[in-house]
Amino acid sequence: MASIFTQIVQGKIPGHIVAEHAQYLALLDIHPIARGHTLVIPKQEVDYLFDLDDSTLGGLFVFAKRVALGIQQVVPCRRVGVAVVGLEVPHAHIHLVPINSTYDIDFSKPTLQLTQEELATVAAQIKAAIQY
């Protein structure tokens, strides 16, 4: 069965997409640990990040950089933290999390409860800030 991310890529289920490239997609996490928490994925379904070929892996991080710069313009933060956990969804992905301290990227803390409207607003703001 296709991962939830593949289903979003295929348009079978909705996602709050902030950026798209022929090979990559960036979308808001629906259970964010911070406002603007974004997931960056390859459109190709590969379970483990380091199983991606070098070109795809490198391109994913370049795409993530562009997205992170957009997040910084929208969400006040000192940095955009990067995390790769890889256990929660069997599809390679990078977490981009606006942070002001190391606690801000602690995945054991409670997630934010944002409405679909709030997520849509944040997604639109980040999308507008990303430079292509």
N, C-alpha and C. Protein backbone atom coordinates (compact mmCIF):
# COMPACT_ATOMS: atom_id res chain seq x y z
N MET A 1 0.83 -1.19 0.00
CA MET A 1 0.00 0.00 0.00
C MET A 1 0.88 1.25 0.00
N ALA A 2 0.48 2.24 -0.76
CA ALA A 2 1.24 3.48 -0.88
C ALA A 2 1.25 4.23 0.45
N SER A 3 2.38 4.88 0.74
CA SER A 3 2.48 5.67 1.97
C SER A 3 1.54 6.87 1.90
N ILE A 4 1.27 7.46 3.05
CA ILE A 4 0.41 8.65 3.08
C ILE A 4 1.02 9.76 2.22
N PHE A 5 2.35 9.85 2.18
CA PHE A 5 2.99 10.88 1.35
C PHE A 5 2.78 10.60 -0.13
N THR A 6 2.90 9.36 -0.52
CA THR A 6 2.65 9.00 -1.92
C THR A 6 1.21 9.31 -2.30
N GLN A 7 0.28 9.05 -1.39
CA GLN A 7 -1.12 9.36 -1.65
C GLN A 7 -1.34 10.87 -1.83
N ILE A 8 -0.59 11.68 -1.09
CA ILE A 8 -0.67 13.14 -1.26
C ILE A 8 -0.07 13.53 -2.61
N VAL A 9 1.09 12.97 -2.94
CA VAL A 9 1.73 13.25 -4.24
C VAL A 9 0.77 12.91 -5.38
N GLN A 10 0.06 11.80 -5.26
CA GLN A 10 -0.86 11.35 -6.31
C GLN A 10 -2.20 12.08 -6.29
N GLY A 11 -2.41 12.96 -5.31
CA GLY A 11 -3.65 13.71 -5.23
C GLY A 11 -4.82 12.91 -4.68
N LYS A 12 -4.55 11.77 -4.08
CA LYS A 12 -5.61 10.94 -3.54
C LYS A 12 -6.12 11.45 -2.19
N ILE A 13 -5.25 12.12 -1.45
CA ILE A 13 -5.64 12.77 -0.21
C ILE A 13 -5.03 14.17 -0.19
N PRO A 14 -5.66 15.10 0.51
CA PRO A 14 -5.14 16.48 0.50
C PRO A 14 -3.93 16.66 1.41
N GLY A 15 -3.18 17.68 1.11
CA GLY A 15 -2.04 18.08 1.93
C GLY A 15 -1.87 19.58 1.80
N HIS A 16 -1.28 20.20 2.80
CA HIS A 16 -1.02 21.64 2.76
C HIS A 16 0.36 21.85 2.14
N ILE A 17 0.39 21.91 0.83
CA ILE A 17 1.64 21.96 0.07
C ILE A 17 2.18 23.39 0.05
N VAL A 18 3.48 23.50 0.36
CA VAL A 18 4.12 24.82 0.36
C VAL A 18 5.06 24.99 -0.83
N ALA A 19 5.53 23.89 -1.41
CA ALA A 19 6.41 23.99 -2.58
C ALA A 19 6.40 22.65 -3.31
N GLU A 20 6.60 22.75 -4.63
CA GLU A 20 6.64 21.53 -5.43
C GLU A 20 7.66 21.68 -6.54
N HIS A 21 8.33 20.58 -6.82
CA HIS A 21 9.33 20.46 -7.87
C HIS A 21 9.00 19.16 -8.58
N ALA A 22 9.54 18.94 -9.74
CA ALA A 22 9.26 17.70 -10.47
C ALA A 22 9.56 16.46 -9.64
N GLN A 23 10.58 16.52 -8.78
CA GLN A 23 10.98 15.34 -8.01
C GLN A 23 10.65 15.43 -6.52
N TYR A 24 10.28 16.62 -6.02
CA TYR A 24 10.14 16.83 -4.58
C TYR A 24 8.86 17.57 -4.23
N LEU A 25 8.47 17.44 -2.97
CA LEU A 25 7.29 18.11 -2.47
C LEU A 25 7.56 18.55 -1.04
N ALA A 26 7.07 19.72 -0.67
CA ALA A 26 7.15 20.19 0.71
C ALA A 26 5.73 20.49 1.18
N LEU A 27 5.38 19.95 2.34
CA LEU A 27 4.04 20.14 2.87
C LEU A 27 4.11 20.29 4.38
N LEU A 28 3.11 20.97 4.92
CA LEU A 28 3.06 21.15 6.35
C LEU A 28 2.78 19.82 7.05
N ASP A 29 3.41 19.64 8.19
CA ASP A 29 3.10 18.51 9.06
C ASP A 29 1.74 18.79 9.68
N ILE A 30 0.82 17.83 9.66
CA ILE A 30 -0.51 18.07 10.22
C ILE A 30 -0.53 17.93 11.74
N HIS A 31 0.57 17.45 12.30
CA HIS A 31 0.74 17.37 13.76
C HIS A 31 2.05 18.08 14.10
N PRO A 32 2.12 19.37 13.86
CA PRO A 32 3.40 20.09 14.00
C PRO A 32 3.86 20.26 15.44
N ILE A 33 5.17 20.30 15.61
CA ILE A 33 5.72 20.64 16.91
C ILE A 33 6.00 22.13 17.01
N ALA A 34 5.85 22.83 15.90
CA ALA A 34 5.99 24.29 15.85
C ALA A 34 5.21 24.81 14.65
N ARG A 35 4.75 26.04 14.74
CA ARG A 35 4.07 26.66 13.60
C ARG A 35 5.05 26.71 12.43
N GLY A 36 4.64 26.21 11.27
CA GLY A 36 5.50 26.20 10.09
C GLY A 36 6.29 24.91 9.91
N HIS A 37 6.13 23.95 10.81
CA HIS A 37 6.81 22.65 10.72
C HIS A 37 6.44 22.01 9.37
N THR A 38 7.44 21.81 8.56
CA THR A 38 7.26 21.36 7.18
C THR A 38 8.01 20.06 6.93
N LEU A 39 7.42 19.21 6.10
CA LEU A 39 8.06 17.96 5.69
C LEU A 39 8.47 18.09 4.23
N VAL A 40 9.68 17.68 3.93
CA VAL A 40 10.20 17.72 2.56
C VAL A 40 10.44 16.28 2.14
N ILE A 41 9.83 15.90 1.02
CA ILE A 41 9.87 14.50 0.59
C ILE A 41 10.28 14.39 -0.88
N PRO A 42 10.89 13.27 -1.24
CA PRO A 42 11.01 12.97 -2.67
C PRO A 42 9.66 12.43 -3.12
N LYS A 43 9.27 12.71 -4.33
CA LYS A 43 8.01 12.16 -4.82
C LYS A 43 8.11 10.64 -5.00
N GLN A 44 9.30 10.18 -5.28
CA GLN A 44 9.54 8.74 -5.40
C GLN A 44 9.45 8.14 -4.01
N GLU A 45 8.67 7.09 -3.86
CA GLU A 45 8.52 6.44 -2.56
C GLU A 45 9.70 5.52 -2.29
N VAL A 46 10.53 5.95 -1.38
CA VAL A 46 11.66 5.17 -0.87
C VAL A 46 11.57 5.28 0.63
N ASP A 47 11.62 4.17 1.34
CA ASP A 47 11.41 4.15 2.78
C ASP A 47 12.49 4.90 3.55
N TYR A 48 13.75 4.62 3.27
CA TYR A 48 14.87 5.12 4.07
C TYR A 48 15.63 6.20 3.31
N LEU A 49 15.81 7.33 3.94
CA LEU A 49 16.45 8.49 3.30
C LEU A 49 17.77 8.12 2.63
N PHE A 50 18.59 7.32 3.31
CA PHE A 50 19.90 7.01 2.77
C PHE A 50 19.89 5.88 1.75
N ASP A 51 18.70 5.43 1.38
CA ASP A 51 18.56 4.53 0.24
C ASP A 51 18.32 5.31 -1.06
N LEU A 52 18.10 6.61 -0.96
CA LEU A 52 17.94 7.44 -2.16
C LEU A 52 19.27 7.49 -2.90
N ASP A 53 19.22 7.56 -4.22
CA ASP A 53 20.46 7.72 -4.97
C ASP A 53 21.05 9.10 -4.66
N ASP A 54 22.33 9.26 -4.87
CA ASP A 54 23.03 10.49 -4.48
C ASP A 54 22.43 11.75 -5.10
N SER A 55 22.05 11.66 -6.35
CA SER A 55 21.49 12.82 -7.04
C SER A 55 20.16 13.25 -6.40
N THR A 56 19.30 12.28 -6.11
CA THR A 56 18.00 12.59 -5.50
C THR A 56 18.19 13.12 -4.09
N LEU A 57 19.08 12.51 -3.33
CA LEU A 57 19.35 12.96 -1.96
C LEU A 57 19.90 14.39 -1.96
N GLY A 58 20.86 14.67 -2.82
CA GLY A 58 21.41 16.01 -2.90
C GLY A 58 20.37 17.03 -3.32
N GLY A 59 19.57 16.68 -4.31
CA GLY A 59 18.51 17.58 -4.78
C GLY A 59 17.47 17.84 -3.71
N LEU A 60 17.17 16.80 -2.91
CA LEU A 60 16.20 16.95 -1.83
C LEU A 60 16.68 18.00 -0.82
N PHE A 61 17.95 17.97 -0.48
CA PHE A 61 18.48 18.94 0.48
C PHE A 61 18.57 20.34 -0.11
N VAL A 62 18.87 20.47 -1.38
CA VAL A 62 18.86 21.79 -2.03
C VAL A 62 17.44 22.35 -2.04
N PHE A 63 16.47 21.51 -2.35
CA PHE A 63 15.06 21.91 -2.33
C PHE A 63 14.66 22.30 -0.90
N ALA A 64 15.09 21.52 0.09
CA ALA A 64 14.78 21.81 1.50
C ALA A 64 15.36 23.17 1.92
N LYS A 65 16.53 23.50 1.42
CA LYS A 65 17.14 24.80 1.75
C LYS A 65 16.24 25.94 1.27
N ARG A 66 15.74 25.84 0.06
CA ARG A 66 14.85 26.86 -0.49
C ARG A 66 13.59 27.00 0.37
N VAL A 67 13.04 25.88 0.78
CA VAL A 67 11.85 25.88 1.63
C VAL A 67 12.17 26.49 2.99
N ALA A 68 13.29 26.12 3.58
CA ALA A 68 13.69 26.65 4.89
C ALA A 68 13.83 28.17 4.86
N LEU A 69 14.39 28.69 3.80
CA LEU A 69 14.53 30.15 3.67
C LEU A 69 13.16 30.82 3.62
N GLY A 70 12.19 30.17 2.99
CA GLY A 70 10.83 30.69 2.97
C GLY A 70 10.19 30.64 4.34
N ILE A 71 10.41 29.56 5.06
CA ILE A 71 9.86 29.43 6.42
C ILE A 71 10.39 30.55 7.30
N GLN A 72 11.69 30.82 7.21
CA GLN A 72 12.30 31.87 8.04
C GLN A 72 11.70 33.25 7.78
N GLN A 73 11.22 33.47 6.59
CA GLN A 73 10.61 34.76 6.29
C GLN A 73 9.22 34.89 6.89
N VAL A 74 8.57 33.78 7.19
CA VAL A 74 7.19 33.78 7.67
C VAL A 74 7.09 33.57 9.18
N VAL A 75 7.91 32.67 9.70
CA VAL A 75 7.83 32.31 11.12
C VAL A 75 9.04 32.88 11.85
N PRO A 76 8.81 33.76 12.82
CA PRO A 76 9.94 34.30 13.57
C PRO A 76 10.70 33.17 14.30
N CYS A 77 11.98 33.04 13.99
CA CYS A 77 12.79 31.99 14.61
C CYS A 77 14.26 32.32 14.42
N ARG A 78 15.10 31.73 15.26
CA ARG A 78 16.55 31.91 15.12
C ARG A 78 17.10 31.06 13.98
N ARG A 79 16.54 29.88 13.82
CA ARG A 79 16.98 28.94 12.80
C ARG A 79 15.79 28.09 12.35
N VAL A 80 16.00 27.39 11.26
CA VAL A 80 15.09 26.31 10.89
C VAL A 80 15.89 25.03 11.13
N GLY A 81 15.45 24.27 12.14
CA GLY A 81 16.12 23.03 12.48
C GLY A 81 15.77 21.95 11.47
N VAL A 82 16.69 21.02 11.31
CA VAL A 82 16.52 19.91 10.38
C VAL A 82 16.61 18.61 11.16
N ALA A 83 15.63 17.74 10.94
CA ALA A 83 15.65 16.43 11.59
C ALA A 83 15.24 15.36 10.60
N VAL A 84 15.90 14.24 10.72
CA VAL A 84 15.51 13.05 9.96
C VAL A 84 15.30 11.95 10.99
N VAL A 85 14.06 11.53 11.13
CA VAL A 85 13.74 10.48 12.08
C VAL A 85 13.49 9.19 11.29
N GLY A 86 12.54 9.25 10.39
CA GLY A 86 12.35 8.16 9.46
C GLY A 86 11.61 6.94 9.97
N LEU A 87 11.01 7.02 11.14
CA LEU A 87 10.31 5.85 11.67
C LEU A 87 8.80 5.97 11.58
N GLU A 88 8.28 7.17 11.51
CA GLU A 88 6.84 7.38 11.60
C GLU A 88 6.09 7.14 10.29
N VAL A 89 6.71 7.35 9.15
CA VAL A 89 6.09 7.10 7.84
C VAL A 89 7.13 6.40 6.97
N PRO A 90 6.77 5.30 6.31
CA PRO A 90 7.74 4.57 5.49
C PRO A 90 7.97 5.24 4.13
N HIS A 91 8.40 6.49 4.19
CA HIS A 91 8.69 7.29 2.99
C HIS A 91 9.72 8.32 3.43
N ALA A 92 10.86 8.34 2.78
CA ALA A 92 11.94 9.26 3.17
C ALA A 92 11.41 10.68 3.30
N HIS A 93 11.81 11.37 4.38
CA HIS A 93 11.39 12.76 4.55
C HIS A 93 12.30 13.48 5.53
N ILE A 94 12.33 14.79 5.36
CA ILE A 94 13.11 15.69 6.21
C ILE A 94 12.13 16.60 6.93
N HIS A 95 12.32 16.77 8.23
CA HIS A 95 11.52 17.73 9.00
C HIS A 95 12.27 19.06 9.01
N LEU A 96 11.57 20.14 8.67
CA LEU A 96 12.09 21.50 8.82
C LEU A 96 11.24 22.16 9.90
N VAL A 97 11.88 22.53 11.02
CA VAL A 97 11.15 23.05 12.17
C VAL A 97 11.72 24.39 12.59
N PRO A 98 10.90 25.45 12.59
CA PRO A 98 11.38 26.74 13.09
C PRO A 98 11.73 26.60 14.58
N ILE A 99 12.94 27.03 14.95
CA ILE A 99 13.39 26.87 16.33
C ILE A 99 14.05 28.13 16.88
N ASN A 100 13.95 28.27 18.18
CA ASN A 100 14.68 29.30 18.93
C ASN A 100 15.57 28.67 19.99
N SER A 101 15.32 27.38 20.29
CA SER A 101 16.14 26.62 21.23
C SER A 101 16.08 25.15 20.84
N THR A 102 16.94 24.35 21.45
CA THR A 102 16.93 22.92 21.12
C THR A 102 15.63 22.25 21.55
N TYR A 103 14.98 22.77 22.58
CA TYR A 103 13.70 22.19 23.02
C TYR A 103 12.65 22.28 21.91
N ASP A 104 12.75 23.28 21.06
CA ASP A 104 11.74 23.49 20.02
C ASP A 104 11.70 22.35 18.99
N ILE A 105 12.74 21.53 18.94
CA ILE A 105 12.76 20.43 17.98
C ILE A 105 12.70 19.08 18.70
N ASP A 106 12.12 19.09 19.90
CA ASP A 106 11.93 17.89 20.69
C ASP A 106 10.63 17.22 20.26
N PHE A 107 10.74 16.08 19.62
CA PHE A 107 9.56 15.39 19.08
C PHE A 107 8.72 14.71 20.15
N SER A 108 9.19 14.71 21.40
CA SER A 108 8.40 14.11 22.46
C SER A 108 7.44 15.11 23.11
N LYS A 109 7.58 16.38 22.78
CA LYS A 109 6.67 17.38 23.36
C LYS A 109 5.31 17.32 22.65
N PRO A 110 4.27 17.84 23.28
CA PRO A 110 2.94 17.82 22.65
C PRO A 110 2.93 18.60 21.34
N THR A 111 2.18 18.08 20.39
CA THR A 111 2.08 18.77 19.09
C THR A 111 1.05 19.89 19.19
N LEU A 112 1.16 20.84 18.27
CA LEU A 112 0.18 21.92 18.21
C LEU A 112 -1.12 21.38 17.62
N GLN A 113 -2.21 21.96 18.02
CA GLN A 113 -3.52 21.58 17.49
C GLN A 113 -4.02 22.73 16.62
N LEU A 114 -3.60 22.74 15.36
CA LEU A 114 -4.00 23.80 14.44
C LEU A 114 -5.19 23.34 13.61
N THR A 115 -6.08 24.27 13.32
CA THR A 115 -7.22 23.94 12.47
C THR A 115 -6.76 23.84 11.01
N GLN A 116 -7.61 23.26 10.18
CA GLN A 116 -7.30 23.20 8.74
C GLN A 116 -7.13 24.59 8.16
N GLU A 117 -7.92 25.54 8.66
CA GLU A 117 -7.82 26.93 8.18
C GLU A 117 -6.48 27.55 8.58
N GLU A 118 -6.05 27.28 9.82
CA GLU A 118 -4.75 27.80 10.27
C GLU A 118 -3.61 27.19 9.45
N LEU A 119 -3.68 25.89 9.21
CA LEU A 119 -2.67 25.24 8.39
C LEU A 119 -2.65 25.81 6.98
N ALA A 120 -3.82 26.02 6.41
CA ALA A 120 -3.91 26.58 5.05
C ALA A 120 -3.30 27.97 4.99
N THR A 121 -3.54 28.78 6.01
CA THR A 121 -2.99 30.14 6.05
C THR A 121 -1.46 30.11 6.12
N VAL A 122 -0.93 29.28 7.01
CA VAL A 122 0.53 29.17 7.15
C VAL A 122 1.14 28.65 5.85
N ALA A 123 0.52 27.65 5.25
CA ALA A 123 1.02 27.09 3.99
C ALA A 123 1.07 28.16 2.90
N ALA A 124 0.02 28.95 2.79
CA ALA A 124 -0.04 30.00 1.77
C ALA A 124 1.04 31.05 2.02
N GLN A 125 1.28 31.39 3.27
CA GLN A 125 2.30 32.39 3.60
C GLN A 125 3.70 31.89 3.25
N ILE A 126 3.98 30.64 3.60
CA ILE A 126 5.30 30.07 3.29
C ILE A 126 5.45 29.96 1.77
N LYS A 127 4.43 29.46 1.11
CA LYS A 127 4.48 29.30 -0.35
C LYS A 127 4.79 30.64 -1.03
N ALA A 128 4.17 31.70 -0.56
CA ALA A 128 4.40 33.02 -1.14
C ALA A 128 5.82 33.54 -0.88
N ALA A 129 6.45 33.06 0.19
CA ALA A 129 7.78 33.54 0.55
C ALA A 129 8.92 32.78 -0.12
N ILE A 130 8.63 31.62 -0.69
CA ILE A 130 9.68 30.78 -1.29
C ILE A 130 10.11 31.37 -2.64
N GLN A 131 11.42 31.51 -2.79
CA GLN A 131 11.99 32.03 -4.03
C GLN A 131 12.40 30.87 -4.93
N TYR A 132 11.96 30.91 -6.17
CA TYR A 132 12.32 29.86 -7.13
C TYR A 132 13.37 30.35 -8.08
